[in-house]
């Protein structure tokens, strides 16, 4: 299997995905990685005919991290973007707020941040 990697600026993300949509017709995953000083958002695309993958990485500053929604290009991005917003605190521009994935979450710090502390930032749910 061939895997191609691209590291791009966040302003190039929507156009890059539009350009690759005809070839990479399946969105396998969107996730984020917290490197303490910055985030890396990772898009994994798949070509269902050739079985090739493309990985697109975008670096975001840790403070006030935000990125454009790609749901218009890949509708399957919905849940991935919701997860990224809720679990990492990354603002997704161009999205309407929906109910939380973790409706009873009572922690102020997103749980997948490196700075999250279980005993301090989370209290047992009732």
Protein backbone atom coordinates (compact mmCIF):
# COMPACT_ATOMS: atom_id res chain seq x y z
CA UNK A 1 0.00 0.00 0.00
CA UNK A 2 1.27 3.47 -0.90
CA UNK A 3 0.99 6.17 1.76
CA UNK A 4 1.66 9.79 0.90
CA UNK A 5 2.28 12.42 3.59
CA UNK A 6 1.67 16.16 3.24
CA UNK A 7 2.31 18.79 5.89
CA UNK A 8 0.41 21.97 5.06
CA UNK A 9 -0.53 25.34 6.53
CA UNK A 10 -4.02 25.49 7.98
CA UNK A 11 -5.12 28.17 5.50
CA UNK A 12 -4.44 25.65 2.68
CA UNK A 13 -6.54 22.88 4.23
CA UNK A 14 -9.93 23.39 2.51
CA UNK A 15 -8.42 23.77 -0.96
CA UNK A 16 -6.02 20.85 -0.45
CA UNK A 17 -8.93 18.58 0.51
CA UNK A 18 -11.03 19.79 -2.42
CA UNK A 19 -8.12 19.01 -4.75
CA UNK A 20 -7.70 15.48 -3.37
CA UNK A 21 -11.42 14.61 -2.99
CA UNK A 22 -11.80 13.11 -6.50
CA UNK A 23 -8.96 10.68 -5.89
CA UNK A 24 -9.20 10.06 -2.16
CA UNK A 25 -12.91 9.46 -1.90
CA UNK A 26 -13.03 8.11 1.66
CA UNK A 27 -12.19 9.93 4.88
CA UNK A 28 -10.77 7.29 7.25
CA UNK A 29 -10.02 9.47 10.25
CA UNK A 30 -9.40 12.92 11.63
CA UNK A 31 -7.59 13.19 14.92
CA UNK A 32 -5.42 15.59 16.85
CA UNK A 33 -2.21 15.22 18.82
CA UNK A 34 -1.30 17.52 21.71
CA UNK A 35 2.44 18.24 21.72
CA UNK A 36 2.05 20.65 24.69
CA UNK A 37 3.21 23.71 22.72
CA UNK A 38 1.19 23.03 19.56
CA UNK A 39 -1.42 20.68 18.13
CA UNK A 40 -1.14 18.58 15.03
CA UNK A 41 -4.41 17.75 13.28
CA UNK A 42 -4.15 14.64 11.12
CA UNK A 43 -6.47 13.78 8.21
CA UNK A 44 -6.25 10.25 6.81
CA UNK A 45 -7.75 9.87 3.32
CA UNK A 46 -8.20 6.67 1.34
CA UNK A 47 -8.62 5.77 -2.33
CA UNK A 48 -11.05 2.84 -2.39
CA UNK A 49 -9.95 1.73 -5.87
CA UNK A 50 -6.15 1.78 -5.57
CA UNK A 51 -6.05 1.28 -1.77
CA UNK A 52 -3.65 4.21 -1.46
CA UNK A 53 -3.72 6.54 1.52
CA UNK A 54 -2.85 10.16 1.96
CA UNK A 55 -2.09 11.68 5.34
CA UNK A 56 -2.42 15.43 5.67
CA UNK A 57 -1.02 17.12 8.77
CA UNK A 58 -1.73 20.65 9.95
CA UNK A 59 0.05 22.33 12.88
CA UNK A 60 -1.95 24.67 15.11
CA UNK A 61 -0.75 26.94 17.89
CA UNK A 62 -1.79 25.65 21.31
CA UNK A 63 -3.32 28.96 22.37
CA UNK A 64 -6.77 29.61 20.86
CA UNK A 65 -6.41 26.67 18.47
CA UNK A 66 -8.95 26.67 15.67
CA UNK A 67 -9.32 25.10 12.24
CA UNK A 68 -11.89 25.18 9.43
CA UNK A 69 -14.57 22.52 9.29
CA UNK A 70 -14.23 20.16 6.33
CA UNK A 71 -17.76 18.72 6.55
CA UNK A 72 -18.70 20.45 3.30
CA UNK A 73 -16.01 18.40 1.54
CA UNK A 74 -16.20 15.19 3.59
CA UNK A 75 -19.55 14.91 5.44
CA UNK A 76 -18.09 12.06 7.51
CA UNK A 77 -15.94 14.67 9.27
CA UNK A 78 -18.89 15.50 11.54
CA UNK A 79 -18.15 13.17 14.45
CA UNK A 80 -14.38 13.53 14.13
CA UNK A 81 -14.65 17.32 14.36
CA UNK A 82 -17.00 17.09 17.33
CA UNK A 83 -14.58 14.76 19.07
CA UNK A 84 -11.62 17.04 18.34
CA UNK A 85 -13.47 20.08 19.70
CA UNK A 86 -14.67 18.36 22.85
CA UNK A 87 -11.64 16.23 23.68
CA UNK A 88 -8.89 18.70 22.73
CA UNK A 89 -10.66 22.07 22.94
CA UNK A 90 -9.87 22.93 19.31
CA UNK A 91 -12.45 25.34 17.90
CA UNK A 92 -13.90 24.18 14.58
CA UNK A 93 -14.78 27.21 12.45
CA UNK A 94 -17.93 26.97 10.35
CA UNK A 95 -19.77 24.49 12.58
CA UNK A 96 -22.99 24.93 14.45
CA UNK A 97 -22.79 23.85 18.07
CA UNK A 98 -24.45 20.52 18.74
CA UNK A 99 -25.04 18.70 21.96
CA UNK A 100 -21.96 17.33 23.64
CA UNK A 101 -20.71 13.81 23.01
CA UNK A 102 -20.20 13.48 26.77
CA UNK A 103 -23.40 15.09 27.99
CA UNK A 104 -22.58 14.71 31.68
CA UNK A 105 -18.98 15.82 31.39
CA UNK A 106 -18.21 18.20 34.24
CA UNK A 107 -14.55 18.88 33.61
CA UNK A 108 -13.38 22.28 32.46
CA UNK A 109 -10.19 20.96 30.84
CA UNK A 110 -10.60 18.82 27.70
CA UNK A 111 -9.63 15.26 28.67
CA UNK A 112 -7.12 14.52 25.89
CA UNK A 113 -4.91 17.52 26.63
CA UNK A 114 -1.51 16.74 28.08
CA UNK A 115 -2.30 19.22 30.86
CA UNK A 116 -5.37 17.25 31.98
CA UNK A 117 -5.08 15.71 35.45
CA UNK A 118 -7.61 13.02 36.39
CA UNK A 119 -7.71 13.77 40.09
CA UNK A 120 -7.83 17.53 39.65
CA UNK A 121 -9.72 18.26 36.42
CA UNK A 122 -12.34 15.55 36.68
CA UNK A 123 -14.91 14.74 39.32
CA UNK A 124 -16.87 11.51 39.43
CA UNK A 125 -20.14 11.68 37.50
CA UNK A 126 -23.32 11.05 39.47
